[in-house]
Amino acid sequence: MGAYCVAKTADGDYLVTTMSATEIEAVRQTSKAATGSKPEYSPWSTFPMEMWKKTVIKRAAKTWPKTDVNGSDTLTHAIDVLNEHEGLQEECGATSEEATDFYAQLIDEKNSLGLYMFVISIDVEQQIKLQSEYVNIHAEPRGKGAMRAELKDLFNEGKRQCHEYVFAFEQAGDDVSAIEELEAELSEDEIAFIKDLT
């Protein structure tokens, strides 16, 4: 199906990067070794799973904090060498202005359910980019760690609310008045999202 990479930062956050099989195949197609005159000798042919792992790690490394601890310089250098000699082109798209503004609006309004719904509707890479952009702009004077913790709490609150509504709709069954009461608390988008989960 694909591959994923989980990195734990020094302050305890987890950064998760996923790539589908289609995305990994697109990267393989940019590899000179895999598409050259002797592709059968390419590591993509001889060690395909290792190349899958390497590809998702390279993608993930673009989102990791830049520090000099625990050999990160060595990893950065290794990735640079691989890029130079294997011709892998992986460009991470920038987040749209609309998405950035909407994300900030949800946070500013403390709309935890809306934030949860929005975040899980986009891919992990975009989630990380949006959070990093927001934290970089709004972290002071609290600090980046405190800001990330606030965003995590807001997201988790939205997740809790979502699960409670899913449970409540399931418990309501065919009780029209109970369903109407629940729907009165939610927007049309929220109703549609939650009903998709029931």
N, C-alpha and C. Protein backbone atom coordinates (compact mmCIF):
# COMPACT_ATOMS: atom_id res chain seq x y z
N MET A 1 0.82 -1.22 0.00
CA MET A 1 0.00 0.00 0.00
C MET A 1 0.85 1.26 0.00
N GLY A 2 1.95 1.22 0.75
CA GLY A 2 2.77 2.41 0.87
C GLY A 2 3.79 2.24 1.96
N ALA A 3 4.31 3.37 2.48
CA ALA A 3 5.31 3.34 3.54
C ALA A 3 5.09 4.53 4.45
N TYR A 4 5.58 4.42 5.67
CA TYR A 4 5.49 5.55 6.58
C TYR A 4 6.75 5.63 7.43
N CYS A 5 6.97 6.82 7.96
CA CYS A 5 8.13 7.06 8.82
C CYS A 5 7.65 7.87 10.02
N VAL A 6 8.04 7.43 11.21
CA VAL A 6 7.71 8.14 12.44
C VAL A 6 9.00 8.62 13.08
N ALA A 7 9.09 9.92 13.35
CA ALA A 7 10.26 10.48 14.03
C ALA A 7 9.81 11.15 15.31
N LYS A 8 10.55 10.91 16.39
CA LYS A 8 10.25 11.56 17.66
C LYS A 8 11.23 12.71 17.86
N THR A 9 10.70 13.90 18.09
CA THR A 9 11.56 15.07 18.26
C THR A 9 12.08 15.14 19.70
N ALA A 10 13.03 16.03 19.91
CA ALA A 10 13.65 16.18 21.23
C ALA A 10 12.63 16.61 22.29
N ASP A 11 11.58 17.36 21.87
CA ASP A 11 10.58 17.79 22.86
C ASP A 11 9.38 16.84 22.95
N GLY A 12 9.52 15.65 22.37
CA GLY A 12 8.52 14.61 22.56
C GLY A 12 7.42 14.54 21.52
N ASP A 13 7.42 15.43 20.54
CA ASP A 13 6.42 15.36 19.47
C ASP A 13 6.75 14.23 18.51
N TYR A 14 5.73 13.71 17.83
CA TYR A 14 5.93 12.69 16.82
C TYR A 14 5.59 13.28 15.45
N LEU A 15 6.51 13.15 14.52
CA LEU A 15 6.30 13.62 13.15
C LEU A 15 6.10 12.39 12.28
N VAL A 16 4.95 12.30 11.64
CA VAL A 16 4.61 11.14 10.83
C VAL A 16 4.52 11.54 9.36
N THR A 17 5.19 10.78 8.51
CA THR A 17 5.15 11.02 7.07
C THR A 17 4.68 9.74 6.40
N THR A 18 3.73 9.85 5.48
CA THR A 18 3.26 8.69 4.74
C THR A 18 3.45 8.92 3.25
N MET A 19 3.66 7.83 2.53
CA MET A 19 3.72 7.87 1.06
C MET A 19 2.98 6.66 0.52
N SER A 20 2.13 6.88 -0.46
CA SER A 20 1.42 5.77 -1.09
C SER A 20 2.36 5.05 -2.05
N ALA A 21 1.97 3.84 -2.47
CA ALA A 21 2.76 3.10 -3.44
C ALA A 21 2.91 3.89 -4.74
N THR A 22 1.87 4.62 -5.11
CA THR A 22 1.92 5.44 -6.33
C THR A 22 2.96 6.54 -6.22
N GLU A 23 3.01 7.19 -5.04
CA GLU A 23 4.00 8.25 -4.83
C GLU A 23 5.42 7.69 -4.88
N ILE A 24 5.62 6.53 -4.28
CA ILE A 24 6.95 5.91 -4.27
C ILE A 24 7.35 5.51 -5.68
N GLU A 25 6.40 4.99 -6.43
CA GLU A 25 6.69 4.61 -7.83
C GLU A 25 7.07 5.85 -8.64
N ALA A 26 6.42 6.99 -8.37
CA ALA A 26 6.77 8.22 -9.08
C ALA A 26 8.21 8.63 -8.78
N VAL A 27 8.64 8.43 -7.53
CA VAL A 27 10.03 8.72 -7.17
C VAL A 27 10.96 7.76 -7.89
N ARG A 28 10.59 6.46 -7.93
CA ARG A 28 11.43 5.48 -8.61
C ARG A 28 11.64 5.85 -10.07
N GLN A 29 10.60 6.39 -10.69
CA GLN A 29 10.68 6.76 -12.11
C GLN A 29 11.67 7.91 -12.35
N THR A 30 11.99 8.67 -11.30
CA THR A 30 12.95 9.76 -11.46
C THR A 30 14.38 9.30 -11.19
N SER A 31 14.54 8.05 -10.75
CA SER A 31 15.87 7.53 -10.43
C SER A 31 16.61 7.11 -11.70
N LYS A 32 17.79 7.65 -11.90
CA LYS A 32 18.60 7.29 -13.07
C LYS A 32 18.96 5.81 -13.03
N ALA A 33 19.23 5.30 -11.84
CA ALA A 33 19.61 3.89 -11.72
C ALA A 33 18.46 2.97 -12.11
N ALA A 34 17.24 3.32 -11.70
CA ALA A 34 16.08 2.46 -11.96
C ALA A 34 15.63 2.51 -13.41
N THR A 35 15.90 3.62 -14.09
CA THR A 35 15.40 3.77 -15.46
C THR A 35 16.53 3.82 -16.49
N GLY A 36 17.76 3.54 -16.05
CA GLY A 36 18.92 3.61 -16.95
C GLY A 36 19.04 2.41 -17.86
N SER A 37 20.25 2.22 -18.41
CA SER A 37 20.46 1.15 -19.39
C SER A 37 20.43 -0.24 -18.77
N LYS A 38 20.71 -0.35 -17.44
CA LYS A 38 20.71 -1.66 -16.78
C LYS A 38 19.87 -1.62 -15.51
N PRO A 39 18.56 -1.44 -15.65
CA PRO A 39 17.70 -1.31 -14.47
C PRO A 39 17.69 -2.56 -13.58
N GLU A 40 18.03 -3.72 -14.17
CA GLU A 40 18.03 -4.95 -13.37
C GLU A 40 19.08 -4.92 -12.27
N TYR A 41 20.10 -4.05 -12.41
CA TYR A 41 21.15 -3.94 -11.39
C TYR A 41 20.89 -2.78 -10.42
N SER A 42 19.79 -2.10 -10.62
CA SER A 42 19.44 -0.98 -9.75
C SER A 42 19.04 -1.50 -8.37
N PRO A 43 19.34 -0.74 -7.31
CA PRO A 43 18.85 -1.14 -5.98
C PRO A 43 17.32 -1.21 -5.92
N TRP A 44 16.65 -0.49 -6.85
CA TRP A 44 15.19 -0.58 -6.91
C TRP A 44 14.75 -1.98 -7.33
N SER A 45 15.62 -2.69 -8.05
CA SER A 45 15.31 -4.06 -8.47
C SER A 45 15.83 -5.07 -7.46
N THR A 46 17.02 -4.82 -6.92
CA THR A 46 17.63 -5.81 -6.02
C THR A 46 17.19 -5.68 -4.58
N PHE A 47 16.92 -4.45 -4.12
CA PHE A 47 16.48 -4.22 -2.74
C PHE A 47 15.29 -3.25 -2.71
N PRO A 48 14.17 -3.63 -3.32
CA PRO A 48 13.05 -2.69 -3.44
C PRO A 48 12.51 -2.18 -2.11
N MET A 49 12.41 -3.05 -1.09
CA MET A 49 11.86 -2.61 0.19
C MET A 49 12.78 -1.61 0.89
N GLU A 50 14.08 -1.82 0.73
CA GLU A 50 15.03 -0.85 1.31
C GLU A 50 14.89 0.51 0.63
N MET A 51 14.64 0.49 -0.67
CA MET A 51 14.47 1.75 -1.40
C MET A 51 13.16 2.43 -1.00
N TRP A 52 12.13 1.64 -0.73
CA TRP A 52 10.87 2.22 -0.25
C TRP A 52 11.13 2.93 1.08
N LYS A 53 11.85 2.23 1.99
CA LYS A 53 12.14 2.83 3.29
C LYS A 53 12.96 4.11 3.14
N LYS A 54 13.99 4.03 2.31
CA LYS A 54 14.86 5.18 2.12
C LYS A 54 14.08 6.37 1.56
N THR A 55 13.16 6.08 0.65
CA THR A 55 12.40 7.15 0.00
C THR A 55 11.52 7.88 1.00
N VAL A 56 10.83 7.16 1.85
CA VAL A 56 9.94 7.81 2.82
C VAL A 56 10.76 8.52 3.90
N ILE A 57 11.93 7.99 4.25
CA ILE A 57 12.80 8.66 5.22
C ILE A 57 13.30 9.98 4.65
N LYS A 58 13.68 9.97 3.38
CA LYS A 58 14.14 11.21 2.74
C LYS A 58 13.03 12.25 2.73
N ARG A 59 11.82 11.83 2.41
CA ARG A 59 10.69 12.76 2.41
C ARG A 59 10.45 13.29 3.82
N ALA A 60 10.49 12.39 4.81
CA ALA A 60 10.24 12.78 6.19
C ALA A 60 11.29 13.76 6.70
N ALA A 61 12.54 13.54 6.31
CA ALA A 61 13.65 14.36 6.83
C ALA A 61 13.47 15.84 6.50
N LYS A 62 12.70 16.13 5.45
CA LYS A 62 12.48 17.53 5.08
C LYS A 62 11.65 18.28 6.13
N THR A 63 10.94 17.54 6.97
CA THR A 63 10.09 18.18 7.97
C THR A 63 10.72 18.17 9.36
N TRP A 64 11.87 17.52 9.51
CA TRP A 64 12.47 17.40 10.83
C TRP A 64 13.17 18.69 11.23
N PRO A 65 13.15 19.00 12.55
CA PRO A 65 13.89 20.17 13.03
C PRO A 65 15.36 20.04 12.68
N LYS A 66 15.98 21.14 12.33
CA LYS A 66 17.40 21.12 11.96
C LYS A 66 18.25 21.35 13.21
N THR A 67 18.93 20.29 13.65
CA THR A 67 19.82 20.39 14.81
C THR A 67 21.11 19.67 14.50
N ASP A 68 22.09 19.84 15.37
CA ASP A 68 23.37 19.18 15.19
C ASP A 68 23.54 17.99 16.12
N VAL A 69 22.45 17.59 16.80
CA VAL A 69 22.59 16.51 17.77
C VAL A 69 22.32 15.16 17.13
N ASN A 70 22.84 14.12 17.78
CA ASN A 70 22.57 12.73 17.41
C ASN A 70 22.83 12.42 15.94
N GLY A 71 23.88 12.99 15.38
CA GLY A 71 24.28 12.61 14.04
C GLY A 71 23.41 13.12 12.92
N SER A 72 22.61 14.16 13.18
CA SER A 72 21.72 14.65 12.13
C SER A 72 22.50 15.19 10.94
N ASP A 73 23.71 15.75 11.21
CA ASP A 73 24.54 16.25 10.11
C ASP A 73 24.91 15.11 9.16
N THR A 74 25.19 13.95 9.73
CA THR A 74 25.54 12.79 8.92
C THR A 74 24.38 12.37 8.04
N LEU A 75 23.18 12.35 8.61
CA LEU A 75 21.99 11.99 7.85
C LEU A 75 21.75 12.99 6.73
N THR A 76 21.85 14.28 7.06
CA THR A 76 21.64 15.32 6.05
C THR A 76 22.64 15.17 4.91
N HIS A 77 23.89 14.91 5.25
CA HIS A 77 24.92 14.73 4.21
C HIS A 77 24.61 13.50 3.35
N ALA A 78 24.19 12.42 4.00
CA ALA A 78 23.87 11.19 3.26
C ALA A 78 22.72 11.43 2.28
N ILE A 79 21.72 12.16 2.71
CA ILE A 79 20.59 12.46 1.83
C ILE A 79 21.03 13.33 0.67
N ASP A 80 21.89 14.32 0.95
CA ASP A 80 22.41 15.17 -0.12
C ASP A 80 23.16 14.36 -1.16
N VAL A 81 23.98 13.42 -0.68
CA VAL A 81 24.75 12.57 -1.61
C VAL A 81 23.82 11.71 -2.44
N LEU A 82 22.82 11.12 -1.80
CA LEU A 82 21.87 10.29 -2.54
C LEU A 82 21.14 11.10 -3.61
N ASN A 83 20.72 12.30 -3.25
CA ASN A 83 20.04 13.16 -4.22
C ASN A 83 20.95 13.49 -5.40
N GLU A 84 22.20 13.81 -5.09
CA GLU A 84 23.13 14.20 -6.15
C GLU A 84 23.43 13.06 -7.10
N HIS A 85 23.60 11.86 -6.55
CA HIS A 85 24.06 10.75 -7.38
C HIS A 85 22.94 9.86 -7.90
N GLU A 86 21.75 10.01 -7.36
CA GLU A 86 20.68 9.14 -7.84
C GLU A 86 19.62 9.91 -8.58
N GLY A 87 19.68 11.23 -8.52
CA GLY A 87 18.76 12.04 -9.30
C GLY A 87 17.33 12.00 -8.84
N LEU A 88 17.11 11.77 -7.57
CA LEU A 88 15.73 11.74 -7.08
C LEU A 88 15.24 13.15 -6.87
N GLN A 89 14.10 13.44 -7.45
CA GLN A 89 13.52 14.77 -7.31
C GLN A 89 12.24 14.66 -6.51
N GLU A 90 12.25 15.20 -5.32
CA GLU A 90 11.05 15.17 -4.48
C GLU A 90 10.76 16.58 -4.01
N GLU A 91 9.79 17.18 -4.60
CA GLU A 91 9.44 18.53 -4.22
C GLU A 91 8.17 18.48 -3.38
N CYS A 92 8.23 19.06 -2.22
CA CYS A 92 7.04 19.13 -1.37
C CYS A 92 6.27 20.39 -1.72
N GLY A 93 5.03 20.24 -2.10
CA GLY A 93 4.23 21.40 -2.48
C GLY A 93 3.96 22.31 -1.30
N ALA A 94 3.91 23.58 -1.57
CA ALA A 94 3.62 24.55 -0.52
C ALA A 94 2.12 24.52 -0.21
N THR A 95 1.78 24.89 1.01
CA THR A 95 0.37 24.93 1.38
C THR A 95 -0.26 26.15 0.73
N SER A 96 -1.53 26.02 0.37
CA SER A 96 -2.22 27.13 -0.28
C SER A 96 -2.53 28.21 0.75
N GLU A 97 -2.69 29.42 0.27
CA GLU A 97 -3.02 30.55 1.16
C GLU A 97 -4.38 30.31 1.81
N GLU A 98 -5.31 29.74 1.05
CA GLU A 98 -6.65 29.46 1.58
C GLU A 98 -6.58 28.49 2.74
N ALA A 99 -5.81 27.41 2.55
CA ALA A 99 -5.68 26.40 3.60
C ALA A 99 -5.01 27.00 4.84
N THR A 100 -3.99 27.81 4.62
CA THR A 100 -3.28 28.45 5.73
C THR A 100 -4.21 29.37 6.52
N ASP A 101 -4.99 30.17 5.80
CA ASP A 101 -5.92 31.10 6.45
C ASP A 101 -7.02 30.37 7.21
N PHE A 102 -7.55 29.30 6.59
CA PHE A 102 -8.63 28.54 7.22
C PHE A 102 -8.13 27.85 8.49
N TYR A 103 -6.94 27.28 8.41
CA TYR A 103 -6.31 26.61 9.56
C TYR A 103 -6.15 27.60 10.71
N ALA A 104 -5.63 28.79 10.40
CA ALA A 104 -5.42 29.82 11.42
C ALA A 104 -6.75 30.27 12.02
N GLN A 105 -7.77 30.40 11.17
CA GLN A 105 -9.10 30.84 11.63
C GLN A 105 -9.67 29.82 12.63
N LEU A 106 -9.58 28.54 12.31
CA LEU A 106 -10.09 27.50 13.19
C LEU A 106 -9.40 27.54 14.55
N ILE A 107 -8.09 27.77 14.53
CA ILE A 107 -7.32 27.83 15.79
C ILE A 107 -7.71 29.08 16.57
N ASP A 108 -7.77 30.22 15.89
CA ASP A 108 -8.10 31.48 16.57
C ASP A 108 -9.49 31.43 17.20
N GLU A 109 -10.41 30.73 16.53
CA GLU A 109 -11.78 30.60 17.05
C GLU A 109 -11.90 29.48 18.07
N LYS A 110 -10.79 28.77 18.31
CA LYS A 110 -10.79 27.59 19.21
C LYS A 110 -11.84 26.57 18.78
N ASN A 111 -12.01 26.43 17.46
CA ASN A 111 -12.98 25.49 16.90
C ASN A 111 -12.33 24.11 16.80
N SER A 112 -12.34 23.40 17.91
CA SER A 112 -11.62 22.12 17.98
C SER A 112 -12.19 21.07 17.04
N LEU A 113 -13.52 20.97 16.96
CA LEU A 113 -14.13 19.99 16.06
C LEU A 113 -13.81 20.31 14.61
N GLY A 114 -13.93 21.59 14.25
CA GLY A 114 -13.61 22.01 12.88
C GLY A 114 -12.16 21.76 12.55
N LEU A 115 -11.26 22.02 13.52
CA LEU A 115 -9.83 21.80 13.29
C LEU A 115 -9.56 20.31 13.06
N TYR A 116 -10.15 19.47 13.90
CA TYR A 116 -9.96 18.03 13.75
C TYR A 116 -10.45 17.55 12.39
N MET A 117 -11.64 17.99 11.99
CA MET A 117 -12.20 17.58 10.70
C MET A 117 -11.31 18.03 9.55
N PHE A 118 -10.82 19.27 9.62
CA PHE A 118 -9.99 19.80 8.54
C PHE A 118 -8.65 19.06 8.47
N VAL A 119 -8.02 18.89 9.62
CA VAL A 119 -6.68 18.29 9.64
C VAL A 119 -6.69 16.86 9.11
N ILE A 120 -7.69 16.06 9.52
CA ILE A 120 -7.66 14.67 9.05
C ILE A 120 -8.13 14.53 7.61
N SER A 121 -8.63 15.62 7.03
CA SER A 121 -9.07 15.56 5.63
C SER A 121 -7.92 15.85 4.66
N ILE A 122 -6.75 16.27 5.18
CA ILE A 122 -5.61 16.57 4.31
C ILE A 122 -4.49 15.58 4.60
N ASP A 123 -3.52 15.47 3.67
CA ASP A 123 -2.46 14.49 3.88
C ASP A 123 -1.50 14.95 4.99
N VAL A 124 -0.75 14.00 5.50
CA VAL A 124 0.11 14.24 6.66
C VAL A 124 1.15 15.33 6.37
N GLU A 125 1.69 15.32 5.17
CA GLU A 125 2.70 16.31 4.81
C GLU A 125 2.14 17.73 4.91
N GLN A 126 0.91 17.92 4.42
CA GLN A 126 0.27 19.22 4.50
C GLN A 126 -0.06 19.60 5.95
N GLN A 127 -0.45 18.59 6.75
CA GLN A 127 -0.71 18.83 8.17
C GLN A 127 0.53 19.41 8.85
N ILE A 128 1.67 18.78 8.58
CA ILE A 128 2.93 19.21 9.20
C ILE A 128 3.30 20.61 8.74
N LYS A 129 3.14 20.87 7.44
CA LYS A 129 3.48 22.18 6.90
C LYS A 129 2.61 23.27 7.52
N LEU A 130 1.30 23.01 7.60
CA LEU A 130 0.39 24.01 8.17
C LEU A 130 0.74 24.30 9.63
N GLN A 131 0.99 23.24 10.39
CA GLN A 131 1.32 23.44 11.80
C GLN A 131 2.64 24.20 11.94
N SER A 132 3.64 23.82 11.16
CA SER A 132 4.95 24.50 11.24
C SER A 132 4.83 25.97 10.90
N GLU A 133 4.09 26.28 9.83
CA GLU A 133 3.90 27.68 9.44
C GLU A 133 3.20 28.46 10.55
N TYR A 134 2.15 27.87 11.11
CA TYR A 134 1.39 28.56 12.15
C TYR A 134 2.27 28.78 13.39
N VAL A 135 2.98 27.74 13.81
CA VAL A 135 3.82 27.83 15.00
C VAL A 135 4.91 28.88 14.79
N ASN A 136 5.54 28.87 13.64
CA ASN A 136 6.62 29.83 13.37
C ASN A 136 6.13 31.28 13.46
N ILE A 137 4.89 31.51 13.05
CA ILE A 137 4.35 32.88 13.05
C ILE A 137 3.80 33.28 14.41
N HIS A 138 3.17 32.34 15.13
CA HIS A 138 2.41 32.70 16.33
C HIS A 138 3.04 32.23 17.64
N ALA A 139 4.21 31.65 17.62
CA ALA A 139 4.77 31.03 18.83
C ALA A 139 5.12 32.03 19.93
N GLU A 140 5.58 33.21 19.55
CA GLU A 140 6.01 34.17 20.58
C GLU A 140 4.78 34.81 21.25
N PRO A 141 4.80 35.07 22.55
CA PRO A 141 5.92 34.89 23.48
C PRO A 141 5.92 33.54 24.18
N ARG A 142 4.97 32.66 23.85
CA ARG A 142 4.84 31.39 24.57
C ARG A 142 5.95 30.41 24.27
N GLY A 143 6.45 30.45 23.04
CA GLY A 143 7.46 29.48 22.63
C GLY A 143 6.84 28.39 21.77
N LYS A 144 7.66 27.80 20.91
CA LYS A 144 7.16 26.81 19.96
C LYS A 144 6.63 25.55 20.63
N GLY A 145 7.32 25.09 21.67
CA GLY A 145 6.86 23.88 22.37
C GLY A 145 5.48 24.06 22.97
N ALA A 146 5.28 25.21 23.62
CA ALA A 146 3.97 25.49 24.23
C ALA A 146 2.89 25.63 23.17
N MET A 147 3.24 26.27 22.05
CA MET A 147 2.27 26.43 20.97
C MET A 147 1.88 25.08 20.39
N ARG A 148 2.87 24.21 20.15
CA ARG A 148 2.56 22.87 19.62
C ARG A 148 1.66 22.10 20.58
N ALA A 149 1.93 22.24 21.88
CA ALA A 149 1.11 21.55 22.89
C ALA A 149 -0.32 22.06 22.84
N GLU A 150 -0.51 23.38 22.68
CA GLU A 150 -1.86 23.94 22.57
C GLU A 150 -2.59 23.40 21.36
N LEU A 151 -1.89 23.34 20.22
CA LEU A 151 -2.52 22.83 19.00
C LEU A 151 -2.88 21.36 19.15
N LYS A 152 -2.00 20.61 19.80
CA LYS A 152 -2.27 19.19 20.03
C LYS A 152 -3.50 19.01 20.91
N ASP A 153 -3.59 19.83 21.97
CA ASP A 153 -4.75 19.76 22.87
C ASP A 153 -6.04 20.11 22.12
N LEU A 154 -5.98 21.15 21.28
CA LEU A 154 -7.16 21.57 20.52
C LEU A 154 -7.59 20.46 19.55
N PHE A 155 -6.62 19.85 18.88
CA PHE A 155 -6.91 18.74 17.96
C PHE A 155 -7.52 17.56 18.72
N ASN A 156 -6.92 17.19 19.86
CA ASN A 156 -7.42 16.05 20.64
C ASN A 156 -8.81 16.30 21.19
N GLU A 157 -9.10 17.57 21.54
CA GLU A 157 -10.44 17.91 21.99
C GLU A 157 -11.44 17.72 20.85
N GLY A 158 -11.06 18.14 19.65
CA GLY A 158 -11.92 17.93 18.49
C GLY A 158 -12.15 16.46 18.19
N LYS A 159 -11.10 15.68 18.33
CA LYS A 159 -11.21 14.23 18.13
C LYS A 159 -12.18 13.62 19.15
N ARG A 160 -12.05 14.07 20.41
CA ARG A 160 -12.94 13.56 21.46
C ARG A 160 -14.39 13.92 21.14
N GLN A 161 -14.62 15.19 20.75
CA GLN A 161 -15.97 15.63 20.41
C GLN A 161 -16.53 14.81 19.24
N CYS A 162 -15.71 14.61 18.24
CA CYS A 162 -16.15 13.86 17.07
C CYS A 162 -16.59 12.45 17.47
N HIS A 163 -15.78 11.78 18.27
CA HIS A 163 -16.11 10.42 18.70
C HIS A 163 -17.37 10.39 19.56
N GLU A 164 -17.54 11.42 20.38
CA GLU A 164 -18.76 11.48 21.20
C GLU A 164 -20.00 11.65 20.33
N TYR A 165 -19.90 12.50 19.30
CA TYR A 165 -21.05 12.68 18.39
C TYR A 165 -21.33 11.40 17.60
N VAL A 166 -20.28 10.73 17.15
CA VAL A 166 -20.47 9.47 16.42
C VAL A 166 -21.22 8.49 17.31
N PHE A 167 -20.78 8.37 18.56
CA PHE A 167 -21.43 7.46 19.50
C PHE A 167 -22.88 7.87 19.74
N ALA A 168 -23.11 9.18 19.90
CA ALA A 168 -24.46 9.67 20.16
C ALA A 168 -25.40 9.39 18.98
N PHE A 169 -24.92 9.59 17.76
CA PHE A 169 -25.74 9.29 16.58
C PHE A 169 -26.04 7.79 16.49
N GLU A 170 -25.05 6.98 16.81
CA GLU A 170 -25.27 5.53 16.77
C GLU A 170 -26.30 5.11 17.82
N GLN A 171 -26.22 5.73 19.01
CA GLN A 171 -27.17 5.42 20.07
C GLN A 171 -28.57 5.90 19.72
N ALA A 172 -28.66 7.01 18.98
CA ALA A 172 -29.98 7.56 18.61
C ALA A 172 -30.73 6.63 17.68
N GLY A 173 -30.01 5.88 16.87
CA GLY A 173 -30.65 4.94 15.96
C GLY A 173 -31.67 5.62 15.07
N ASP A 174 -32.93 5.19 15.18
CA ASP A 174 -34.02 5.76 14.37
C ASP A 174 -34.84 6.80 15.14
N ASP A 175 -34.38 7.21 16.30
CA ASP A 175 -35.10 8.19 17.12
C ASP A 175 -34.95 9.58 16.48
N VAL A 176 -35.97 10.01 15.75
CA VAL A 176 -35.92 11.26 14.98
C VAL A 176 -35.66 12.46 15.88
N SER A 177 -36.33 12.53 17.03
CA SER A 177 -36.16 13.70 17.90
C SER A 177 -34.73 13.76 18.46
N ALA A 178 -34.15 12.63 18.79
CA ALA A 178 -32.77 12.60 19.30
C ALA A 178 -31.80 13.03 18.20
N ILE A 179 -32.06 12.57 16.98
CA ILE A 179 -31.20 12.95 15.85
C ILE A 179 -31.30 14.45 15.58
N GLU A 180 -32.52 14.97 15.59
CA GLU A 180 -32.72 16.41 15.36
C GLU A 180 -32.04 17.24 16.43
N GLU A 181 -32.07 16.76 17.66
CA GLU A 181 -31.43 17.48 18.77
C GLU A 181 -29.90 17.54 18.56
N LEU A 182 -29.34 16.42 18.12
CA LEU A 182 -27.89 16.38 17.85
C LEU A 182 -27.54 17.28 16.67
N GLU A 183 -28.35 17.21 15.62
CA GLU A 183 -28.07 18.00 14.41
C GLU A 183 -28.16 19.50 14.67
N ALA A 184 -29.00 19.90 15.65
CA ALA A 184 -29.14 21.31 15.97
C ALA A 184 -27.85 21.90 16.55
N GLU A 185 -27.00 21.04 17.09
CA GLU A 185 -25.73 21.49 17.69
C GLU A 185 -24.61 21.63 16.66
N LEU A 186 -24.86 21.16 15.44
CA LEU A 186 -23.77 21.05 14.46
C LEU A 186 -24.08 21.81 13.18
N SER A 187 -23.03 22.14 12.44
CA SER A 187 -23.20 22.73 11.11
C SER A 187 -23.50 21.60 10.12
N GLU A 188 -23.92 21.96 8.93
CA GLU A 188 -24.20 20.94 7.90
C GLU A 188 -22.96 20.13 7.57
N ASP A 189 -21.80 20.80 7.46
CA ASP A 189 -20.55 20.09 7.17
C ASP A 189 -20.20 19.11 8.28
N GLU A 190 -20.40 19.54 9.53
CA GLU A 190 -20.09 18.67 10.67
C GLU A 190 -21.03 17.46 10.69
N ILE A 191 -22.30 17.70 10.39
CA ILE A 191 -23.26 16.58 10.35
C ILE A 191 -22.85 15.57 9.29
N ALA A 192 -22.53 16.06 8.10
CA ALA A 192 -22.15 15.16 7.00
C ALA A 192 -20.89 14.37 7.37
N PHE A 193 -19.91 15.06 7.96
CA PHE A 193 -18.65 14.41 8.33
C PHE A 193 -18.89 13.31 9.36
N ILE A 194 -19.66 13.62 10.39
CA ILE A 194 -19.90 12.67 11.47
C ILE A 194 -20.76 11.50 11.00
N LYS A 195 -21.75 11.79 10.17
CA LYS A 195 -22.60 10.69 9.66
C LYS A 195 -21.82 9.74 8.76
N ASP A 196 -20.80 10.26 8.08
CA ASP A 196 -19.93 9.39 7.28
C ASP A 196 -19.18 8.39 8.14
N LEU A 197 -18.97 8.73 9.40
CA LEU A 197 -18.22 7.88 10.31
C LEU A 197 -19.10 6.88 11.04
N THR A 198 -20.43 7.08 10.98
CA THR A 198 -21.33 6.19 11.72
C THR A 198 -21.74 5.00 10.86
